Amino acid sequence: MSRHDLIITGGHLITMDPAVPDGPASVAVRGGRIADVLPAGSELPPAAEVVDAAGAVVLPGLVDTHRHTWQSATRHIGLDWSLMDYLGAAFMRLGPVLRPSDVHAATLLGALGALDSGITTLVDWAHIQNSPEHSDASVAALRESGIRGVFAYGWPQIDPLRWVGDSDEPLPGDIHRVRAALPDDGARVTMALAARGPEMSAATAVRRDLELARSLGLRTTMHLSDAGSITRLHELGLLDETITLVHAGGCADDELKLAADLGVTASVSPLIEMTMPGMAAPATGRLKAAGVVTGLSVDTEIATSGDLWSQMRAALAQHRRSGHPEPLTARDLLAMATTGGATAAGLDDRIGAITPGRRADLIVVAADTAALAPVIDPVAGTVLGAHPGLVRTVLVDGQVVKRDGALVGPVRQAMDAARDTVDHLRRTAPEIFSA
């Protein structure tokens, strides 16, 4: 009998794969992949490590499809900011003065925080290409954290208005060097393009950016919220299954149906979309009704929580309050955080479900606690009651990155470096902290 690297035993599985039943079972891991799912009562093969998940729920790792992780060192300072306040502070004041070391600190801290909450994959929307060193800092931090990262290359924040609005400025040529440094689309850290899109650049720049992404073999993720923007992209012949639309709150229903028909995916950030004045309401129900595969995202920790449990509950609350007739169940919400997110990140053949052969990105959530017990409906229970403190074990690529409730990565280093970033920003952009 083959020896496995690790077996998770004794837990209740929520597999998110219709072909693999939910329920009591064990998960065997070998070579970074899910080798087998063994029914309860099966004889367990030998393994180098056994994770006891008795009294716990075992799920696929969660997928955050859009986070500006370079802003995580300034967590929570913008709770009362409007969208215009945020844009002015983050991009006119903070972005231009961040050093590569600050980007590294924030990205490392944000990625570790994501892992702590059960997020195993992060689309790092890193539009902080102030220099090649800034990009390298983001990639290095993703690697050091242990998370599965999609580094989404954007644009500089030096002289920010040069790059957005009606800009026709080409993206920095350094994107070619970064792609050469991240050539393996099957690696733990891969690459995408964070494009400006039709609401943040001229039509000529939109075409050039998307054609560049296709020439480099990259998926594209872009912010898009205005009615007519999807139609304009379609008229330019630029919409296809390699594109993820972030937010899409102001897009018309017929445009969302057009996007679905073309295989376009979406990413919604329900909590910040509901709480930051100036943002359109979450399109969660409308996207589902249109058939757009949708993932959840945090957006920026400047003004929202960094876990997807909060995002699931925010999406549920907004949808039920909106009165939209499209059903939105607990399993729908969990799918957005797993299989839907995996599709939006272009990783649905590797992650998002507990399926033999997929990468072993798994989380164990304690359920034998006052917060969740008795677990009558494991799916509803985790959606409504789970939080980062209940995430006991996290695996990425078969490697344990959180064990017995504690991260194994460089947490102290990340927190100390983030404090140094805050000290630097208090000197260079003090007005942000007194706003």
Protein backbone atom coordinates (compact mmCIF):
# COMPACT_ATOMS: atom_id res chain seq x y z
CA MET A 1 0.00 0.00 0.00
CA SER A 2 1.44 3.36 -1.03
CA ARG A 3 2.50 5.72 1.73
CA HIS A 4 0.78 9.11 1.68
CA ASP A 5 2.25 12.39 2.80
CA LEU A 6 -0.76 13.25 4.93
CA ILE A 7 -4.27 12.04 5.76
CA ILE A 8 -7.07 14.16 7.19
CA THR A 9 -9.34 11.80 9.07
CA GLY A 10 -12.47 11.93 11.19
CA GLY A 11 -14.04 15.06 9.67
CA HIS A 12 -17.24 15.81 7.80
CA LEU A 13 -16.41 16.67 4.18
CA ILE A 14 -18.11 19.38 2.15
CA THR A 15 -16.52 18.50 -1.17
CA MET A 16 -18.17 21.00 -3.60
CA ASP A 17 -17.92 18.21 -6.19
CA PRO A 18 -21.23 16.49 -7.08
CA ALA A 19 -19.30 13.33 -7.92
CA VAL A 20 -17.76 13.12 -4.43
CA PRO A 21 -20.41 12.87 -1.72
CA ASP A 22 -20.40 15.08 1.35
CA GLY A 23 -20.22 13.36 4.71
CA PRO A 24 -17.81 11.60 7.07
CA ALA A 25 -14.67 10.60 5.17
CA SER A 26 -10.89 10.87 5.11
CA VAL A 27 -8.75 12.72 2.56
CA ALA A 28 -5.38 11.29 1.55
CA VAL A 29 -2.73 13.65 0.18
CA ARG A 30 0.36 12.70 -1.81
CA GLY A 31 2.70 14.83 -3.89
CA GLY A 32 0.69 17.98 -3.28
CA ARG A 33 -2.49 16.45 -4.69
CA ILE A 34 -5.62 14.88 -3.28
CA ALA A 35 -4.82 11.21 -3.82
CA ASP A 36 -8.06 9.71 -2.54
CA VAL A 37 -11.24 10.29 -0.58
CA LEU A 38 -11.86 7.34 1.71
CA PRO A 39 -15.32 6.63 3.15
CA ALA A 40 -15.69 6.56 6.90
CA GLY A 41 -14.71 3.17 8.31
CA SER A 42 -12.17 2.45 5.55
CA GLU A 43 -8.80 1.07 6.51
CA LEU A 44 -6.43 4.03 6.37
CA PRO A 45 -3.23 3.65 4.37
CA PRO A 46 0.07 4.63 6.00
CA ALA A 47 0.90 8.34 6.03
CA ALA A 48 3.74 10.53 7.23
CA GLU A 49 1.27 12.77 9.08
CA VAL A 50 -2.30 12.32 10.27
CA VAL A 51 -4.53 15.34 10.90
CA ASP A 52 -7.34 14.48 13.29
CA ALA A 53 -10.42 16.36 12.10
CA ALA A 54 -12.87 14.77 14.55
CA GLY A 55 -15.59 17.26 15.35
CA ALA A 56 -14.63 19.42 12.36
CA VAL A 57 -15.75 20.22 8.84
CA VAL A 58 -13.27 19.73 5.99
CA LEU A 59 -13.66 21.99 2.95
CA PRO A 60 -11.77 23.08 -0.14
CA GLY A 61 -9.63 26.13 0.54
CA LEU A 62 -11.41 29.41 -0.11
CA VAL A 63 -10.51 31.60 -3.12
CA ASP A 64 -10.28 35.40 -2.93
CA THR A 65 -10.62 36.65 -6.50
CA HIS A 66 -9.58 40.31 -6.03
CA ARG A 67 -7.55 41.93 -3.26
CA HIS A 68 -5.26 44.95 -3.32
CA THR A 69 -2.86 43.25 -0.95
CA TRP A 70 -0.31 46.05 -1.22
CA GLN A 71 -2.69 48.09 0.96
CA SER A 72 -2.90 45.60 3.85
CA ALA A 73 -0.41 47.46 6.07
CA THR A 74 -2.98 50.27 6.31
CA ARG A 75 -5.82 48.00 7.37
CA HIS A 76 -9.09 49.49 8.55
CA ILE A 77 -8.14 53.17 8.41
CA GLY A 78 -10.83 53.94 5.84
CA LEU A 79 -14.00 52.56 7.39
CA ASP A 80 -15.72 55.95 7.05
CA TRP A 81 -14.25 56.85 3.66
CA SER A 82 -16.31 57.29 0.51
CA LEU A 83 -15.08 55.86 -2.77
CA MET A 84 -13.59 59.24 -3.69
CA ASP A 85 -11.90 59.49 -0.28
CA TYR A 86 -10.38 56.06 -0.83
CA LEU A 87 -9.19 56.81 -4.35
CA GLY A 88 -7.60 60.06 -3.24
CA ALA A 89 -5.87 58.54 -0.23
CA ALA A 90 -4.73 55.21 -1.65
CA PHE A 91 -3.67 56.31 -5.10
CA MET A 92 -2.79 59.99 -4.80
CA ARG A 93 -1.06 59.86 -1.40
CA LEU A 94 -0.14 56.34 -0.29
CA GLY A 95 0.71 54.65 -3.59
CA PRO A 96 3.33 57.17 -4.76
CA VAL A 97 5.38 56.98 -1.54
CA LEU A 98 5.38 53.22 -0.94
CA ARG A 99 8.81 51.61 -1.12
CA PRO A 100 9.36 48.06 -2.38
CA SER A 101 9.89 47.00 1.24
CA ASP A 102 6.46 48.43 2.09
CA VAL A 103 4.81 46.48 -0.72
CA HIS A 104 6.54 43.33 0.48
CA ALA A 105 5.44 43.93 4.07
CA ALA A 106 1.82 44.60 3.18
CA THR A 107 1.55 41.70 0.73
CA LEU A 108 3.14 39.26 3.16
CA LEU A 109 0.88 40.39 6.00
CA GLY A 110 -2.23 40.33 3.83
CA ALA A 111 -1.46 36.89 2.42
CA LEU A 112 -0.80 35.46 5.89
CA GLY A 113 -4.02 36.98 7.16
CA ALA A 114 -5.86 35.39 4.25
CA LEU A 115 -4.37 31.99 5.06
CA ASP A 116 -5.30 32.41 8.71
CA SER A 117 -8.96 32.80 7.69
CA GLY A 118 -9.01 29.77 5.36
CA ILE A 119 -8.27 31.51 2.07
CA THR A 120 -5.77 29.34 0.22
CA THR A 121 -5.80 31.18 -3.12
CA LEU A 122 -5.47 34.93 -3.57
CA VAL A 123 -5.70 36.99 -6.74
CA ASP A 124 -3.28 39.75 -5.74
CA TRP A 125 -4.52 42.83 -7.63
CA ALA A 126 -1.10 44.50 -7.45
CA HIS A 127 -1.46 47.78 -9.35
CA ILE A 128 1.65 49.19 -7.65
CA GLN A 129 4.21 48.80 -10.46
CA ASN A 130 6.20 51.88 -9.40
CA SER A 131 9.42 50.05 -10.27
CA PRO A 132 10.56 46.54 -11.15
CA GLU A 133 11.53 46.16 -7.49
CA HIS A 134 7.94 46.83 -6.43
CA SER A 135 6.68 43.98 -8.62
CA ASP A 136 9.40 41.66 -7.39
CA ALA A 137 8.48 42.51 -3.80
CA SER A 138 4.88 41.45 -4.37
CA VAL A 139 5.86 38.15 -5.96
CA ALA A 140 8.45 37.40 -3.26
CA ALA A 141 5.90 38.01 -0.51
CA LEU A 142 3.35 35.70 -2.12
CA ARG A 143 5.96 32.98 -2.33
CA GLU A 144 7.14 33.46 1.25
CA SER A 145 3.62 33.40 2.67
CA GLY A 146 2.83 29.91 1.39
CA ILE A 147 -0.43 30.98 -0.27
CA ARG A 148 -1.46 30.05 -3.80
CA GLY A 149 -1.12 33.42 -5.47
CA VAL A 150 -2.12 34.91 -8.79
CA PHE A 151 0.02 38.01 -9.19
CA ALA A 152 -2.13 40.40 -11.23
CA TYR A 153 0.25 42.93 -12.79
CA GLY A 154 -1.26 46.42 -13.07
CA TRP A 155 0.21 49.89 -13.48
CA PRO A 156 2.31 52.37 -11.49
CA GLN A 157 1.05 54.74 -8.81
CA ILE A 158 3.83 57.25 -9.52
CA ASP A 159 2.06 60.17 -11.20
CA PRO A 160 -1.18 58.14 -11.00
CA LEU A 161 -3.29 60.33 -13.29
CA ARG A 162 -0.90 59.56 -16.13
CA TRP A 163 -2.19 55.98 -16.13
CA VAL A 164 -5.95 56.28 -15.60
CA GLY A 165 -8.92 58.41 -16.66
CA ASP A 166 -8.74 58.69 -20.43
CA SER A 167 -5.12 57.56 -20.48
CA ASP A 168 -3.63 56.01 -23.59
CA GLU A 169 -0.32 55.31 -21.82
CA PRO A 170 1.13 51.85 -22.56
CA LEU A 171 1.72 49.60 -19.57
CA PRO A 172 5.34 49.38 -18.39
CA GLY A 173 7.49 47.15 -20.56
CA ASP A 174 8.69 45.40 -17.39
CA ILE A 175 5.62 43.17 -17.69
CA HIS A 176 7.61 41.04 -20.15
CA ARG A 177 10.38 40.50 -17.60
CA VAL A 178 7.86 39.55 -14.91
CA ARG A 179 6.14 37.08 -17.24
CA ALA A 180 9.51 35.51 -18.00
CA ALA A 181 10.07 35.16 -14.24
CA LEU A 182 6.61 33.54 -13.82
CA PRO A 183 6.41 31.27 -16.87
CA ASP A 184 4.81 28.21 -15.25
CA ASP A 185 1.01 28.51 -15.18
CA GLY A 186 0.88 25.38 -13.04
CA ALA A 187 3.09 26.78 -10.28
CA ARG A 188 1.84 27.87 -6.86
CA VAL A 189 2.41 31.55 -7.82
CA THR A 190 1.23 32.46 -11.30
CA MET A 191 0.49 35.66 -13.23
CA ALA A 192 -2.46 37.59 -14.65
CA LEU A 193 -3.04 41.10 -15.97
CA ALA A 194 -4.88 43.67 -13.84
CA ALA A 195 -6.19 45.79 -16.70
CA ARG A 196 -7.48 49.34 -16.52
CA GLY A 197 -10.51 48.61 -18.69
CA PRO A 198 -12.89 50.96 -20.49
CA GLU A 199 -13.77 52.97 -17.38
CA MET A 200 -10.16 53.79 -16.54
CA SER A 201 -8.43 54.24 -19.90
CA ALA A 202 -8.98 55.11 -23.56
CA ALA A 203 -10.40 52.51 -25.94
CA THR A 204 -7.03 52.24 -27.68
CA ALA A 205 -5.37 51.43 -24.35
CA VAL A 206 -8.05 48.86 -23.51
CA ARG A 207 -7.42 47.03 -26.78
CA ARG A 208 -3.65 47.25 -26.39
CA ASP A 209 -3.74 45.97 -22.79
CA LEU A 210 -5.98 43.00 -23.57
CA GLU A 211 -4.06 42.08 -26.70
CA LEU A 212 -0.89 42.23 -24.63
CA ALA A 213 -2.41 39.86 -22.08
CA ARG A 214 -3.37 37.41 -24.82
CA SER A 215 0.08 37.57 -26.40
CA LEU A 216 1.59 36.72 -23.01
CA GLY A 217 -0.92 33.95 -22.31
CA LEU A 218 -2.43 35.78 -19.33
CA ARG A 219 -5.95 35.98 -17.98
CA THR A 220 -7.28 39.50 -17.41
CA THR A 221 -9.10 40.93 -14.42
CA MET A 222 -10.55 44.45 -14.58
CA HIS A 223 -12.72 46.80 -12.55
CA LEU A 224 -15.98 47.52 -14.32
CA SER A 225 -19.20 48.95 -12.90
CA ASP A 226 -20.92 51.27 -15.40
CA ALA A 227 -23.85 50.48 -17.66
CA GLY A 228 -22.62 50.15 -21.23
CA SER A 229 -19.07 49.06 -20.39
CA ILE A 230 -19.66 45.40 -21.20
CA THR A 231 -21.31 46.39 -24.47
CA ARG A 232 -18.30 48.55 -25.39
CA LEU A 233 -15.90 45.67 -24.70
CA HIS A 234 -18.03 43.36 -26.82
CA GLU A 235 -18.15 45.85 -29.68
CA LEU A 236 -14.36 45.99 -29.56
CA GLY A 237 -14.29 42.18 -29.83
CA LEU A 238 -12.46 41.86 -26.53
CA LEU A 239 -14.83 39.83 -24.33
CA ASP A 240 -14.09 36.15 -23.81
CA GLU A 241 -13.66 33.47 -21.16
CA THR A 242 -10.22 34.79 -20.11
CA ILE A 243 -11.74 37.93 -18.56
CA THR A 244 -13.01 38.49 -15.01
CA LEU A 245 -15.12 41.59 -14.35
CA VAL A 246 -14.65 43.03 -10.85
CA HIS A 247 -17.79 44.50 -9.20
CA ALA A 248 -20.10 44.93 -12.26
CA GLY A 249 -22.68 46.50 -9.94
CA GLY A 250 -23.96 49.11 -12.40
CA CYS A 251 -24.03 46.88 -15.47
CA ALA A 252 -27.43 46.16 -17.01
CA ASP A 253 -28.99 42.70 -16.82
CA ASP A 254 -28.79 42.19 -20.58
CA GLU A 255 -25.08 42.99 -20.46
CA LEU A 256 -24.55 40.42 -17.71
CA LYS A 257 -26.34 37.84 -19.85
CA LEU A 258 -24.07 38.75 -22.77
CA ALA A 259 -21.03 38.27 -20.53
CA ALA A 260 -22.32 34.88 -19.38
CA ASP A 261 -22.88 33.73 -22.96
CA LEU A 262 -19.25 34.57 -23.73
CA GLY A 263 -17.88 32.72 -20.70
CA VAL A 264 -16.84 35.89 -18.86
CA THR A 265 -16.57 35.50 -15.07
CA ALA A 266 -17.11 38.02 -12.28
CA SER A 267 -15.79 38.94 -8.84
CA VAL A 268 -17.96 40.69 -6.25
CA SER A 269 -16.85 42.32 -2.99
CA PRO A 270 -20.15 42.48 -1.10
CA LEU A 271 -19.09 44.07 2.17
CA ILE A 272 -17.23 47.07 0.78
CA GLU A 273 -19.78 47.48 -2.04
CA MET A 274 -22.48 47.83 0.62
CA THR A 275 -20.60 50.03 3.09
CA MET A 276 -18.45 52.43 1.00
CA PRO A 277 -20.48 55.40 -0.32
CA GLY A 278 -20.08 55.79 -4.07
CA MET A 279 -19.93 52.08 -4.91
CA ALA A 280 -22.75 50.31 -6.72
CA ALA A 281 -24.72 47.68 -4.81
CA PRO A 282 -23.47 44.09 -5.17
CA ALA A 283 -24.72 42.39 -8.32
CA THR A 284 -24.63 38.95 -6.68
CA GLY A 285 -28.17 37.87 -7.45
CA ARG A 286 -28.26 39.48 -10.90
CA LEU A 287 -25.02 37.76 -11.86
CA LYS A 288 -26.37 34.40 -10.73
CA ALA A 289 -29.62 34.95 -12.59
CA ALA A 290 -27.66 35.82 -15.75
CA GLY A 291 -25.53 32.68 -15.44
CA VAL A 292 -22.21 34.43 -14.81
CA VAL A 293 -19.83 32.26 -12.79
CA THR A 294 -18.90 34.50 -9.87
CA GLY A 295 -16.28 34.52 -7.13
CA LEU A 296 -16.07 36.49 -3.91
CA SER A 297 -13.38 38.95 -2.97
CA VAL A 298 -12.22 41.24 -0.19
CA ASP A 299 -11.09 44.19 -2.38
CA THR A 300 -9.06 46.26 0.11
CA GLU A 301 -8.50 45.78 3.82
CA ILE A 302 -8.35 49.57 4.14
CA ALA A 303 -12.13 49.52 4.53
CA THR A 304 -13.37 45.95 4.94
CA SER A 305 -12.77 42.60 6.62
CA GLY A 306 -10.07 40.34 5.22
CA ASP A 307 -11.96 37.03 5.36
CA LEU A 308 -14.48 35.46 3.00
CA TRP A 309 -16.81 34.26 5.77
CA SER A 310 -17.76 37.91 6.26
CA GLN A 311 -18.17 38.35 2.51
CA MET A 312 -20.51 35.35 2.26
CA ARG A 313 -22.74 36.71 4.99
CA ALA A 314 -22.68 40.22 3.51
CA ALA A 315 -23.69 38.82 0.12
CA LEU A 316 -26.54 36.89 1.71
CA ALA A 317 -27.80 39.88 3.69
CA GLN A 318 -27.73 42.25 0.71
CA HIS A 319 -29.36 39.75 -1.61
CA ARG A 320 -32.20 38.91 0.76
CA ARG A 321 -32.75 42.60 1.51
CA SER A 322 -32.79 43.51 -2.19
CA GLY A 323 -35.83 41.35 -2.87
CA HIS A 324 -34.29 39.91 -6.03
CA PRO A 325 -36.22 36.75 -6.95
CA GLU A 326 -33.14 34.66 -7.81
CA PRO A 327 -32.60 32.03 -5.06
CA LEU A 328 -29.29 32.32 -3.21
CA THR A 329 -28.61 29.41 -0.88
CA ALA A 330 -25.82 28.64 1.56
CA ARG A 331 -24.33 26.23 -0.95
CA ASP A 332 -24.47 28.92 -3.65
CA LEU A 333 -22.48 31.24 -1.38
CA LEU A 334 -19.96 28.54 -0.55
CA ALA A 335 -19.62 27.78 -4.25
CA MET A 336 -18.78 31.42 -4.91
CA ALA A 337 -16.00 31.14 -2.33
CA THR A 338 -14.64 27.87 -3.79
CA THR A 339 -15.57 26.54 -7.23
CA GLY A 340 -16.75 29.88 -8.58
CA GLY A 341 -13.66 31.62 -7.31
CA ALA A 342 -11.46 28.92 -8.81
CA THR A 343 -13.08 29.44 -12.21
CA ALA A 344 -12.74 33.23 -11.99
CA ALA A 345 -9.06 32.79 -11.14
CA GLY A 346 -8.55 30.40 -14.06
CA LEU A 347 -7.67 27.55 -11.71
CA ASP A 348 -10.82 25.42 -11.82
CA ASP A 349 -8.90 22.40 -13.10
CA ARG A 350 -6.65 22.49 -10.02
CA ILE A 351 -8.52 23.80 -6.97
CA GLY A 352 -11.98 24.63 -5.60
CA ALA A 353 -13.26 21.13 -4.75
CA ILE A 354 -12.21 18.03 -2.84
CA THR A 355 -11.64 15.93 -5.93
CA PRO A 356 -8.96 13.26 -6.34
CA GLY A 357 -6.27 14.62 -8.64
CA ARG A 358 -6.74 18.29 -7.74
CA ARG A 359 -4.18 20.18 -5.70
CA ALA A 360 -4.52 19.60 -1.97
CA ASP A 361 -5.72 23.06 -0.89
CA LEU A 362 -7.85 22.15 2.12
CA ILE A 363 -9.12 23.67 5.35
CA VAL A 364 -10.37 22.13 8.59
CA VAL A 365 -12.96 24.20 10.49
CA ALA A 366 -13.67 23.32 14.12
CA ALA A 367 -17.37 22.57 14.54
CA ASP A 368 -17.41 21.09 18.06
CA THR A 369 -17.53 24.57 19.55
CA ALA A 370 -20.13 26.79 21.18
CA ALA A 371 -20.17 28.84 17.97
CA LEU A 372 -21.21 26.03 15.60
CA ALA A 373 -22.49 23.01 17.53
CA PRO A 374 -24.74 21.16 17.01
CA VAL A 375 -23.98 20.98 13.31
CA ILE A 376 -27.36 20.10 11.81
CA ASP A 377 -26.59 21.51 8.36
CA PRO A 378 -22.81 21.69 7.82
CA VAL A 379 -23.06 23.98 4.78
CA ALA A 380 -25.38 26.52 6.39
CA GLY A 381 -23.46 26.22 9.65
CA THR A 382 -20.12 27.14 8.12
CA VAL A 383 -21.58 29.94 6.00
CA LEU A 384 -23.39 31.51 8.95
CA GLY A 385 -21.08 30.67 11.84
CA ALA A 386 -17.51 30.06 10.71
CA HIS A 387 -14.79 32.66 11.26
CA PRO A 388 -10.98 32.76 11.12
CA GLY A 389 -10.66 31.67 14.75
CA LEU A 390 -12.38 28.38 13.96
CA VAL A 391 -10.03 27.52 11.09
CA ARG A 392 -7.87 24.87 12.72
CA THR A 393 -5.76 23.56 9.82
CA VAL A 394 -4.92 24.92 6.37
CA LEU A 395 -3.11 23.09 3.57
CA VAL A 396 -1.81 24.63 0.33
CA ASP A 397 -0.39 22.27 -2.26
CA GLY A 398 -0.40 19.58 0.42
CA GLN A 399 1.78 21.65 2.77
CA VAL A 400 0.45 22.57 6.21
CA VAL A 401 0.51 26.37 6.53
CA LYS A 402 -1.71 26.55 9.63
CA ARG A 403 -1.54 23.83 12.25
CA ASP A 404 -3.64 23.54 15.42
CA GLY A 405 -4.96 27.06 14.95
CA ALA A 406 -1.57 28.76 14.46
CA LEU A 407 0.11 29.91 11.24
CA VAL A 408 3.51 28.38 10.56
CA GLY A 409 4.72 31.25 8.33
CA PRO A 410 6.70 34.41 9.18
CA VAL A 411 3.94 36.19 11.09
CA ARG A 412 6.14 38.20 13.45
CA GLN A 413 8.37 39.33 10.57
CA ALA A 414 5.32 40.48 8.61
CA MET A 415 3.81 42.41 11.52
CA ASP A 416 7.09 44.13 12.39
CA ALA A 417 7.65 45.12 8.75
CA ALA A 418 4.08 46.46 8.50
CA ARG A 419 4.67 48.64 11.57
CA ASP A 420 7.75 50.04 9.85
CA THR A 421 5.59 50.82 6.81
CA VAL A 422 3.06 52.66 8.96
CA ASP A 423 5.88 54.69 10.56
CA HIS A 424 7.13 55.59 7.08
CA LEU A 425 3.66 56.63 5.94
CA ARG A 426 3.07 58.73 9.05
CA ARG A 427 6.14 60.73 8.01
CA THR A 428 5.40 60.93 4.27
CA ALA A 429 1.57 61.10 4.21
CA PRO A 430 0.55 62.18 7.72
CA GLU A 431 -2.76 63.69 6.64
CA ILE A 432 -4.11 60.23 5.82
CA PHE A 433 -3.99 59.22 9.46
CA SER A 434 -5.78 62.31 10.71
CA ALA A 435 -8.59 62.19 8.17
